[in-house]
């Protein structure tokens, strides 16, 4: 029987991301797998019109600190609520698509990416695409898009 050993869950603070995390916890426990939680700060949003960070470095540092606090809090909640501690957290800055789909899975030895489906509307998906869509197309390992709750019933916000 196939067992996943290294599960990567990208989270962004959205309900879909946290739904995927909750399901990933149960999959990790059942498979005796390691869980990596990742959040990515899209660094391009801090660039000025000339493509430089300039005075925006303070915003980057604050964003990175808040992101680290967010994933550390998730890790603590998982230990307390689910009695599961085979978890590492990661905060990266850059292009979320490539970091989630290729860079971090390669670095971590990921064999399953579990993520929430896109939170974008149709226009946003057409203009910029979603990280989930990109991961499904590009990742070299299994990608599971979570659309249901623990009970496998459709998730409603």
N, C-alpha and C. Protein backbone atom coordinates (compact mmCIF):
# COMPACT_ATOMS: atom_id res chain seq x y z
N UNK A 1 0.85 -1.18 0.00
CA UNK A 1 0.00 0.00 0.00
C UNK A 1 0.89 1.24 0.00
N UNK A 2 0.54 2.20 -0.83
CA UNK A 2 1.29 3.44 -0.91
C UNK A 2 1.06 4.28 0.35
N UNK A 3 2.15 4.74 0.92
CA UNK A 3 2.07 5.67 2.04
C UNK A 3 2.88 6.89 1.70
N UNK A 4 2.29 8.04 1.91
CA UNK A 4 3.02 9.28 1.73
C UNK A 4 3.87 9.51 2.98
N UNK A 5 5.07 10.03 2.77
CA UNK A 5 6.00 10.24 3.89
C UNK A 5 6.28 11.72 4.17
N UNK A 6 6.16 12.56 3.16
CA UNK A 6 6.46 13.99 3.31
C UNK A 6 5.36 14.79 2.63
N UNK A 7 4.51 15.41 3.43
CA UNK A 7 3.36 16.15 2.92
C UNK A 7 3.61 17.65 3.10
N UNK A 8 3.46 18.38 2.01
CA UNK A 8 3.61 19.84 2.02
C UNK A 8 2.23 20.48 1.93
N UNK A 9 1.96 21.42 2.84
CA UNK A 9 0.69 22.14 2.82
C UNK A 9 0.98 23.64 2.78
N UNK A 10 0.73 24.26 1.63
CA UNK A 10 0.85 25.72 1.57
C UNK A 10 -0.39 26.36 2.18
N UNK A 11 -0.18 27.35 3.03
CA UNK A 11 -1.30 28.06 3.67
C UNK A 11 -1.12 29.55 3.46
N UNK A 12 -2.24 30.24 3.40
CA UNK A 12 -2.19 31.69 3.18
C UNK A 12 -3.16 32.44 4.09
N UNK A 13 -3.67 31.77 5.11
CA UNK A 13 -4.61 32.41 6.02
C UNK A 13 -6.05 32.31 5.56
N UNK A 14 -6.28 31.75 4.39
CA UNK A 14 -7.65 31.63 3.87
C UNK A 14 -8.33 30.41 4.45
N UNK A 15 -9.66 30.41 4.45
CA UNK A 15 -10.39 29.22 4.92
C UNK A 15 -10.03 27.97 4.09
N UNK A 16 -9.83 28.12 2.79
CA UNK A 16 -9.48 26.97 1.95
C UNK A 16 -8.12 26.40 2.34
N UNK A 17 -7.17 27.26 2.64
CA UNK A 17 -5.85 26.81 3.05
C UNK A 17 -5.88 26.07 4.37
N UNK A 18 -6.64 26.59 5.30
CA UNK A 18 -6.71 25.95 6.61
C UNK A 18 -7.54 24.67 6.58
N UNK A 19 -8.50 24.60 5.66
CA UNK A 19 -9.24 23.35 5.45
C UNK A 19 -8.29 22.27 4.95
N UNK A 20 -7.44 22.63 4.00
CA UNK A 20 -6.45 21.69 3.48
C UNK A 20 -5.50 21.24 4.59
N UNK A 21 -5.09 22.17 5.43
CA UNK A 21 -4.20 21.82 6.54
C UNK A 21 -4.86 20.82 7.48
N UNK A 22 -6.11 21.06 7.80
CA UNK A 22 -6.81 20.16 8.72
C UNK A 22 -6.87 18.74 8.14
N UNK A 23 -7.19 18.65 6.87
CA UNK A 23 -7.23 17.33 6.23
C UNK A 23 -5.85 16.71 6.16
N UNK A 24 -4.85 17.53 5.89
CA UNK A 24 -3.47 17.03 5.79
C UNK A 24 -2.99 16.45 7.12
N UNK A 25 -3.43 17.01 8.21
CA UNK A 25 -3.06 16.48 9.53
C UNK A 25 -3.53 15.04 9.66
N UNK A 26 -4.77 14.79 9.27
CA UNK A 26 -5.32 13.43 9.37
C UNK A 26 -4.61 12.48 8.41
N UNK A 27 -4.29 12.94 7.22
CA UNK A 27 -3.56 12.12 6.25
C UNK A 27 -2.16 11.81 6.79
N UNK A 28 -1.50 12.82 7.34
CA UNK A 28 -0.16 12.63 7.89
C UNK A 28 -0.18 11.63 9.06
N UNK A 29 -1.14 11.77 9.94
CA UNK A 29 -1.23 10.84 11.07
C UNK A 29 -1.47 9.41 10.58
N UNK A 30 -2.37 9.25 9.63
CA UNK A 30 -2.71 7.91 9.11
C UNK A 30 -1.51 7.28 8.40
N UNK A 31 -0.70 8.09 7.73
CA UNK A 31 0.44 7.59 6.97
C UNK A 31 1.75 7.62 7.76
N UNK A 32 1.70 8.09 9.00
CA UNK A 32 2.92 8.27 9.80
C UNK A 32 3.91 9.13 9.03
N UNK A 33 3.39 10.22 8.47
CA UNK A 33 4.17 11.10 7.59
C UNK A 33 4.59 12.37 8.31
N UNK A 34 5.57 13.01 7.73
CA UNK A 34 6.01 14.32 8.19
C UNK A 34 5.20 15.39 7.47
N UNK A 35 4.85 16.45 8.19
CA UNK A 35 4.04 17.53 7.63
C UNK A 35 4.87 18.81 7.58
N UNK A 36 4.97 19.40 6.40
CA UNK A 36 5.63 20.69 6.23
C UNK A 36 4.56 21.72 5.90
N UNK A 37 4.48 22.76 6.71
CA UNK A 37 3.54 23.86 6.46
C UNK A 37 4.34 25.02 5.90
N UNK A 38 3.85 25.56 4.79
CA UNK A 38 4.56 26.61 4.08
C UNK A 38 3.65 27.81 3.84
N UNK A 39 4.19 28.98 4.08
CA UNK A 39 3.51 30.19 3.63
C UNK A 39 4.53 31.01 2.84
N UNK A 40 4.04 31.66 1.80
CA UNK A 40 4.93 32.39 0.89
C UNK A 40 4.49 33.84 0.83
N UNK A 41 5.45 34.71 1.07
CA UNK A 41 5.23 36.15 0.90
C UNK A 41 5.58 36.49 -0.54
N UNK A 42 4.62 37.00 -1.28
CA UNK A 42 4.87 37.36 -2.68
C UNK A 42 5.68 38.64 -2.70
N UNK A 43 6.98 38.50 -2.88
CA UNK A 43 7.88 39.64 -2.76
C UNK A 43 7.67 40.69 -3.83
N UNK A 44 7.14 40.34 -4.97
CA UNK A 44 6.95 41.32 -6.05
C UNK A 44 5.97 42.42 -5.66
N UNK A 45 5.11 42.15 -4.71
CA UNK A 45 4.15 43.19 -4.32
C UNK A 45 4.79 44.33 -3.51
N UNK A 46 6.06 44.14 -3.13
CA UNK A 46 6.77 45.18 -2.38
C UNK A 46 7.68 46.03 -3.26
N UNK A 47 7.73 45.72 -4.54
CA UNK A 47 8.60 46.47 -5.43
C UNK A 47 7.98 47.81 -5.80
N UNK A 48 8.84 48.82 -5.96
CA UNK A 48 8.33 50.11 -6.43
C UNK A 48 8.20 50.07 -7.95
N UNK A 49 7.81 51.16 -8.54
CA UNK A 49 7.57 51.20 -9.99
C UNK A 49 8.84 50.93 -10.80
N UNK A 50 9.99 51.06 -10.18
CA UNK A 50 11.26 50.82 -10.88
C UNK A 50 11.80 49.42 -10.62
N UNK A 51 11.05 48.59 -9.88
CA UNK A 51 11.48 47.23 -9.60
C UNK A 51 12.45 47.09 -8.45
N UNK A 52 12.50 48.09 -7.56
CA UNK A 52 13.40 48.05 -6.41
C UNK A 52 12.59 47.97 -5.12
N UNK A 53 13.20 47.40 -4.11
CA UNK A 53 12.56 47.34 -2.79
C UNK A 53 12.49 48.73 -2.16
N UNK A 54 13.55 49.50 -2.28
CA UNK A 54 13.57 50.85 -1.75
C UNK A 54 13.16 50.89 -0.28
N UNK A 55 12.25 51.78 0.04
CA UNK A 55 11.82 51.96 1.43
C UNK A 55 10.82 50.89 1.86
N UNK A 56 10.46 49.99 0.98
CA UNK A 56 9.49 48.95 1.31
C UNK A 56 10.08 47.81 2.14
N UNK A 57 11.37 47.83 2.42
CA UNK A 57 11.99 46.75 3.20
C UNK A 57 11.35 46.59 4.56
N UNK A 58 10.91 47.70 5.17
CA UNK A 58 10.24 47.59 6.47
C UNK A 58 8.98 46.75 6.35
N UNK A 59 8.24 46.93 5.27
CA UNK A 59 7.01 46.16 5.05
C UNK A 59 7.34 44.68 4.85
N UNK A 60 8.42 44.40 4.16
CA UNK A 60 8.83 43.03 3.93
C UNK A 60 9.16 42.36 5.26
N UNK A 61 9.94 43.04 6.09
CA UNK A 61 10.32 42.48 7.38
C UNK A 61 9.11 42.24 8.27
N UNK A 62 8.17 43.17 8.29
CA UNK A 62 6.95 43.00 9.08
C UNK A 62 6.13 41.83 8.54
N UNK A 63 6.01 41.73 7.22
CA UNK A 63 5.26 40.64 6.62
C UNK A 63 5.89 39.29 6.93
N UNK A 64 7.20 39.21 6.85
CA UNK A 64 7.89 37.96 7.17
C UNK A 64 7.71 37.58 8.63
N UNK A 65 7.79 38.56 9.52
CA UNK A 65 7.61 38.29 10.95
C UNK A 65 6.19 37.79 11.22
N UNK A 66 5.20 38.45 10.64
CA UNK A 66 3.81 38.03 10.84
C UNK A 66 3.56 36.64 10.26
N UNK A 67 4.14 36.37 9.11
CA UNK A 67 3.98 35.05 8.49
C UNK A 67 4.58 33.97 9.38
N UNK A 68 5.76 34.24 9.93
CA UNK A 68 6.41 33.27 10.82
C UNK A 68 5.55 33.03 12.07
N UNK A 69 5.00 34.10 12.64
CA UNK A 69 4.12 33.96 13.80
C UNK A 69 2.89 33.12 13.45
N UNK A 70 2.34 33.36 12.26
CA UNK A 70 1.15 32.64 11.81
C UNK A 70 1.42 31.13 11.72
N UNK A 71 2.50 30.73 11.05
CA UNK A 71 2.74 29.30 10.89
C UNK A 71 3.20 28.65 12.20
N UNK A 72 3.93 29.38 13.02
CA UNK A 72 4.30 28.84 14.34
C UNK A 72 3.07 28.62 15.20
N UNK A 73 2.10 29.54 15.12
CA UNK A 73 0.84 29.37 15.85
C UNK A 73 0.08 28.14 15.34
N UNK A 74 0.06 27.93 14.04
CA UNK A 74 -0.58 26.74 13.48
C UNK A 74 0.09 25.47 14.02
N UNK A 75 1.41 25.48 14.05
CA UNK A 75 2.15 24.32 14.55
C UNK A 75 1.78 24.03 16.01
N UNK A 76 1.72 25.08 16.82
CA UNK A 76 1.34 24.91 18.23
C UNK A 76 -0.08 24.37 18.36
N UNK A 77 -1.00 24.88 17.56
CA UNK A 77 -2.39 24.40 17.59
C UNK A 77 -2.48 22.92 17.21
N UNK A 78 -1.69 22.51 16.22
CA UNK A 78 -1.72 21.12 15.78
C UNK A 78 -1.23 20.20 16.89
N UNK A 79 -0.19 20.61 17.57
CA UNK A 79 0.33 19.80 18.68
C UNK A 79 -0.71 19.68 19.80
N UNK A 80 -1.32 20.81 20.15
CA UNK A 80 -2.31 20.82 21.24
C UNK A 80 -3.59 20.08 20.86
N UNK A 81 -4.15 20.43 19.72
CA UNK A 81 -5.48 19.94 19.35
C UNK A 81 -5.46 18.53 18.77
N UNK A 82 -4.41 18.17 18.04
CA UNK A 82 -4.38 16.88 17.34
C UNK A 82 -3.30 15.94 17.86
N UNK A 83 -2.54 16.38 18.86
CA UNK A 83 -1.47 15.57 19.44
C UNK A 83 -0.55 15.04 18.34
N UNK A 84 -0.14 15.95 17.47
CA UNK A 84 0.73 15.60 16.34
C UNK A 84 1.86 16.63 16.30
N UNK A 85 3.08 16.15 16.34
CA UNK A 85 4.19 17.10 16.38
C UNK A 85 5.28 16.85 15.33
N UNK A 86 5.01 15.99 14.37
CA UNK A 86 5.97 15.78 13.29
C UNK A 86 5.72 16.83 12.20
N UNK A 87 5.95 18.08 12.60
CA UNK A 87 5.60 19.24 11.77
C UNK A 87 6.76 20.23 11.75
N UNK A 88 7.07 20.72 10.57
CA UNK A 88 7.99 21.84 10.42
C UNK A 88 7.25 22.95 9.68
N UNK A 89 7.65 24.18 9.97
CA UNK A 89 7.04 25.33 9.30
C UNK A 89 8.11 26.08 8.51
N UNK A 90 7.66 26.67 7.40
CA UNK A 90 8.56 27.36 6.50
C UNK A 90 7.91 28.65 6.02
N UNK A 91 8.70 29.71 5.97
CA UNK A 91 8.26 30.98 5.41
C UNK A 91 9.26 31.34 4.32
N UNK A 92 8.75 31.59 3.14
CA UNK A 92 9.60 31.94 2.00
C UNK A 92 9.08 33.23 1.38
N UNK A 93 9.95 33.92 0.69
CA UNK A 93 9.56 35.12 -0.06
C UNK A 93 9.94 34.90 -1.51
N UNK A 94 9.03 35.27 -2.39
CA UNK A 94 9.29 35.10 -3.82
C UNK A 94 8.00 34.85 -4.57
N UNK A 95 8.10 34.08 -5.64
CA UNK A 95 6.95 33.74 -6.46
C UNK A 95 6.26 32.51 -5.87
N UNK A 96 5.04 32.66 -5.35
CA UNK A 96 4.36 31.53 -4.70
C UNK A 96 4.21 30.31 -5.61
N UNK A 97 3.97 30.54 -6.89
CA UNK A 97 3.75 29.41 -7.80
C UNK A 97 4.97 28.50 -7.86
N UNK A 98 6.13 29.06 -8.14
CA UNK A 98 7.32 28.22 -8.28
C UNK A 98 7.79 27.68 -6.94
N UNK A 99 7.64 28.45 -5.88
CA UNK A 99 8.06 27.98 -4.56
C UNK A 99 7.21 26.78 -4.13
N UNK A 100 5.89 26.87 -4.32
CA UNK A 100 5.00 25.78 -3.91
C UNK A 100 5.12 24.56 -4.82
N UNK A 101 5.18 24.77 -6.11
CA UNK A 101 5.12 23.66 -7.06
C UNK A 101 6.45 22.96 -7.29
N UNK A 102 7.56 23.69 -7.19
CA UNK A 102 8.84 23.06 -7.54
C UNK A 102 9.94 23.24 -6.49
N UNK A 103 10.18 24.46 -6.05
CA UNK A 103 11.35 24.72 -5.21
C UNK A 103 11.29 24.01 -3.86
N UNK A 104 10.25 24.26 -3.08
CA UNK A 104 10.17 23.65 -1.74
C UNK A 104 9.96 22.14 -1.80
N UNK A 105 9.13 21.62 -2.71
CA UNK A 105 9.02 20.15 -2.77
C UNK A 105 10.36 19.48 -3.05
N UNK A 106 11.16 20.08 -3.92
CA UNK A 106 12.47 19.51 -4.21
C UNK A 106 13.37 19.57 -2.97
N UNK A 107 13.38 20.73 -2.32
CA UNK A 107 14.22 20.91 -1.14
C UNK A 107 13.81 19.99 0.01
N UNK A 108 12.52 19.78 0.18
CA UNK A 108 12.00 19.02 1.32
C UNK A 108 11.81 17.53 1.04
N UNK A 109 11.88 17.13 -0.22
CA UNK A 109 11.62 15.72 -0.55
C UNK A 109 10.14 15.37 -0.48
N UNK A 110 9.31 16.32 -0.79
CA UNK A 110 7.85 16.16 -0.71
C UNK A 110 7.35 15.09 -1.67
N UNK A 111 6.41 14.24 -1.21
CA UNK A 111 5.78 13.30 -2.14
C UNK A 111 4.28 13.55 -2.30
N UNK A 112 3.74 14.52 -1.55
CA UNK A 112 2.34 14.92 -1.71
C UNK A 112 2.20 16.38 -1.33
N UNK A 113 1.57 17.15 -2.20
CA UNK A 113 1.19 18.52 -1.87
C UNK A 113 -0.31 18.52 -1.66
N UNK A 114 -0.76 18.97 -0.51
CA UNK A 114 -2.19 19.11 -0.23
C UNK A 114 -2.47 20.59 -0.07
N UNK A 115 -3.40 21.09 -0.87
CA UNK A 115 -3.67 22.53 -0.81
C UNK A 115 -5.13 22.81 -1.09
N UNK A 116 -5.56 23.97 -0.59
CA UNK A 116 -6.91 24.41 -0.86
C UNK A 116 -7.04 24.85 -2.30
N UNK A 117 -8.26 24.73 -2.80
CA UNK A 117 -8.50 25.22 -4.15
C UNK A 117 -8.43 26.74 -4.13
N UNK A 118 -8.36 27.33 -5.27
CA UNK A 118 -8.13 28.76 -5.38
C UNK A 118 -9.19 29.60 -4.67
N UNK A 119 -8.75 30.72 -4.16
CA UNK A 119 -9.67 31.69 -3.59
C UNK A 119 -9.93 32.83 -4.55
N UNK A 120 -9.41 32.70 -5.77
CA UNK A 120 -9.55 33.76 -6.76
C UNK A 120 -10.88 33.66 -7.48
N UNK A 121 -11.35 34.80 -7.97
CA UNK A 121 -12.54 34.77 -8.81
C UNK A 121 -12.12 34.48 -10.25
N UNK A 122 -13.09 34.34 -11.16
CA UNK A 122 -12.79 33.95 -12.53
C UNK A 122 -11.87 34.95 -13.23
N UNK A 123 -12.08 36.24 -13.03
CA UNK A 123 -11.24 37.24 -13.68
C UNK A 123 -9.80 37.16 -13.16
N UNK A 124 -9.64 37.04 -11.85
CA UNK A 124 -8.29 36.93 -11.27
C UNK A 124 -7.58 35.68 -11.78
N UNK A 125 -8.29 34.56 -11.86
CA UNK A 125 -7.67 33.33 -12.37
C UNK A 125 -7.23 33.52 -13.81
N UNK A 126 -8.04 34.21 -14.62
CA UNK A 126 -7.69 34.44 -16.02
C UNK A 126 -6.49 35.36 -16.14
N UNK A 127 -6.40 36.36 -15.27
CA UNK A 127 -5.32 37.35 -15.36
C UNK A 127 -3.99 36.83 -14.79
N UNK A 128 -4.04 36.24 -13.61
CA UNK A 128 -2.78 35.85 -12.96
C UNK A 128 -2.65 34.35 -12.72
N UNK A 129 -3.75 33.62 -12.84
CA UNK A 129 -3.70 32.19 -12.56
C UNK A 129 -3.58 31.93 -11.08
N UNK A 130 -3.90 30.74 -10.65
CA UNK A 130 -3.81 30.43 -9.23
C UNK A 130 -2.61 29.53 -8.97
N UNK A 131 -2.15 29.58 -7.75
CA UNK A 131 -1.05 28.72 -7.33
C UNK A 131 -1.49 27.25 -7.45
N UNK A 132 -2.73 26.97 -7.08
CA UNK A 132 -3.24 25.60 -7.15
C UNK A 132 -3.24 25.09 -8.59
N UNK A 133 -3.75 25.90 -9.52
CA UNK A 133 -3.75 25.50 -10.93
C UNK A 133 -2.33 25.21 -11.41
N UNK A 134 -1.42 26.08 -11.06
CA UNK A 134 -0.03 25.94 -11.48
C UNK A 134 0.58 24.65 -10.90
N UNK A 135 0.35 24.41 -9.60
CA UNK A 135 0.92 23.22 -8.96
C UNK A 135 0.39 21.94 -9.60
N UNK A 136 -0.88 21.91 -9.92
CA UNK A 136 -1.46 20.72 -10.55
C UNK A 136 -0.78 20.44 -11.89
N UNK A 137 -0.47 21.48 -12.63
CA UNK A 137 0.15 21.32 -13.95
C UNK A 137 1.65 21.03 -13.88
N UNK A 138 2.37 21.62 -12.93
CA UNK A 138 3.83 21.62 -12.97
C UNK A 138 4.49 20.66 -11.97
N UNK A 139 3.90 20.47 -10.81
CA UNK A 139 4.55 19.67 -9.76
C UNK A 139 4.84 18.25 -10.24
N UNK A 140 5.94 17.70 -9.77
CA UNK A 140 6.36 16.35 -10.17
C UNK A 140 5.91 15.28 -9.18
N UNK A 141 5.09 15.67 -8.23
CA UNK A 141 4.55 14.72 -7.27
C UNK A 141 3.03 14.89 -7.23
N UNK A 142 2.35 14.05 -6.48
CA UNK A 142 0.90 14.14 -6.38
C UNK A 142 0.50 15.47 -5.75
N UNK A 143 -0.57 16.04 -6.28
CA UNK A 143 -1.16 17.27 -5.73
C UNK A 143 -2.62 16.98 -5.46
N UNK A 144 -3.03 17.18 -4.24
CA UNK A 144 -4.41 16.96 -3.88
C UNK A 144 -5.04 18.30 -3.54
N UNK A 145 -6.06 18.69 -4.30
CA UNK A 145 -6.80 19.92 -4.02
C UNK A 145 -7.95 19.59 -3.09
N UNK A 146 -7.95 20.20 -1.93
CA UNK A 146 -8.95 19.91 -0.92
C UNK A 146 -10.16 20.81 -1.14
N UNK A 147 -11.31 20.19 -1.31
CA UNK A 147 -12.56 20.93 -1.52
C UNK A 147 -13.63 20.53 -0.51
N UNK A 148 -13.32 19.51 0.31
CA UNK A 148 -14.32 19.01 1.25
C UNK A 148 -13.74 19.03 2.66
N UNK A 149 -14.62 18.96 3.63
CA UNK A 149 -14.20 18.90 5.02
C UNK A 149 -13.74 17.51 5.41
N UNK A 150 -13.44 17.34 6.67
CA UNK A 150 -12.97 16.04 7.19
C UNK A 150 -13.97 14.93 6.91
N UNK A 151 -15.23 15.30 6.90
CA UNK A 151 -16.31 14.33 6.65
C UNK A 151 -16.53 14.05 5.17
N UNK A 152 -15.70 14.65 4.31
CA UNK A 152 -15.79 14.55 2.85
C UNK A 152 -17.07 15.11 2.28
N UNK A 153 -17.72 15.96 3.03
CA UNK A 153 -18.88 16.68 2.52
C UNK A 153 -18.41 18.04 1.99
N UNK A 154 -19.09 18.56 0.98
CA UNK A 154 -18.67 19.85 0.44
C UNK A 154 -18.53 20.91 1.53
N UNK A 155 -17.43 21.64 1.45
CA UNK A 155 -17.14 22.69 2.42
C UNK A 155 -17.93 23.93 2.06
N UNK A 156 -18.58 24.50 3.06
CA UNK A 156 -19.27 25.77 2.83
C UNK A 156 -18.69 26.82 3.76
N UNK A 157 -18.47 27.99 3.21
CA UNK A 157 -17.83 29.06 3.97
C UNK A 157 -18.79 29.66 4.97
